[in-house]
Amino acid sequence: AGGRRMSPAELGMAPWQAEQAIRDARRFSPAQLAHIVRMLAEADAQLKGEGQDPVYAIERAVLSIAMPGGR
C-alpha cells in the first residue's frame, strides 16, 4: 500500500472486515505487527518447501504470535 489507504474492495474485503482488521491491528505496536508479519512470512516459506516440518512451522508461528513475551 506504500502509505496509501486502500479501499476494502481493493483488498478483497467487505467493509465490516476492514473495520474489524483495523480495530484488531490497533491492539499491537508497530514493532509487534512487524514481528507478526515476519513470523507469518517465515511460516509461509517453511510450508512452501524451505522446511522439513510444516506442522512445527505453524506451531512456532502461532505460539510466537500468541505469546509475544516468550520470544
Protein backbone atom coordinates (compact mmCIF):
# COMPACT_ATOMS: atom_id res chain seq x y z
CA ALA A 1 0.00 0.00 0.00
CA GLY A 2 3.02 2.30 0.41
CA GLY A 3 1.29 4.67 2.81
CA ARG A 4 -1.74 4.98 0.54
CA ARG A 5 -5.04 3.91 2.05
CA MET A 6 -6.67 1.17 0.05
CA SER A 7 -10.38 0.56 -0.07
CA PRO A 8 -11.76 -2.67 1.38
CA ALA A 9 -12.74 -3.71 -2.17
CA GLU A 10 -9.12 -3.30 -3.33
CA LEU A 11 -8.10 -5.62 -0.51
CA GLY A 12 -10.79 -8.15 -1.36
CA MET A 13 -12.62 -7.46 1.90
CA ALA A 14 -16.10 -6.41 2.91
CA PRO A 15 -16.19 -3.04 4.70
CA TRP A 16 -17.01 -4.70 8.04
CA GLN A 17 -13.97 -6.99 7.65
CA ALA A 18 -11.70 -4.00 7.05
CA GLU A 19 -13.12 -2.20 10.10
CA GLN A 20 -12.55 -5.29 12.26
CA ALA A 21 -8.99 -5.67 10.95
CA ILE A 22 -8.26 -2.04 11.80
CA ARG A 23 -9.64 -2.49 15.33
CA ASP A 24 -7.58 -5.67 15.76
CA ALA A 25 -4.40 -4.06 14.43
CA ARG A 26 -4.66 -1.18 16.90
CA ARG A 27 -4.07 -3.66 19.73
CA PHE A 28 -0.48 -4.11 18.55
CA SER A 29 2.51 -1.78 18.39
CA PRO A 30 4.29 -1.28 15.07
CA ALA A 31 7.13 -3.49 16.35
CA GLN A 32 4.69 -6.25 17.31
CA LEU A 33 3.00 -6.08 13.90
CA ALA A 34 6.40 -6.28 12.20
CA HIS A 35 7.23 -9.37 14.27
CA ILE A 36 3.90 -10.98 13.35
CA VAL A 37 4.45 -10.32 9.64
CA ARG A 38 7.97 -11.80 9.86
CA MET A 39 6.70 -14.91 11.66
CA LEU A 40 3.93 -15.43 9.10
CA ALA A 41 6.35 -14.95 6.19
CA GLU A 42 8.74 -17.45 7.75
CA ALA A 43 5.94 -19.98 8.31
CA ASP A 44 4.76 -19.45 4.73
CA ALA A 45 8.26 -20.17 3.41
CA GLN A 46 8.51 -23.26 5.60
CA LEU A 47 5.18 -24.52 4.30
CA LYS A 48 6.27 -23.96 0.70
CA GLY A 49 9.25 -26.23 0.93
CA GLU A 50 12.01 -24.47 2.86
CA GLY A 51 11.33 -26.53 5.96
CA GLN A 52 11.02 -30.18 6.77
CA ASP A 53 8.13 -29.99 9.22
CA PRO A 54 5.22 -27.74 8.21
CA VAL A 55 3.29 -28.53 11.41
CA TYR A 56 6.20 -27.28 13.52
CA ALA A 57 6.43 -24.11 11.40
CA ILE A 58 2.77 -23.29 12.04
CA GLU A 59 3.02 -24.19 15.72
CA ARG A 60 6.07 -21.96 16.14
CA ALA A 61 4.38 -19.01 14.41
CA VAL A 62 1.16 -19.37 16.40
CA LEU A 63 2.99 -19.61 19.72
CA SER A 64 5.26 -16.70 18.90
CA ILE A 65 2.30 -14.52 17.95
CA ALA A 66 0.09 -15.62 20.83
CA MET A 67 2.81 -15.30 23.47
CA PRO A 68 4.95 -12.34 22.35
CA GLY A 69 6.67 -12.05 25.73
CA GLY A 70 8.05 -15.56 25.35
CA ARG A 71 10.20 -14.80 22.29
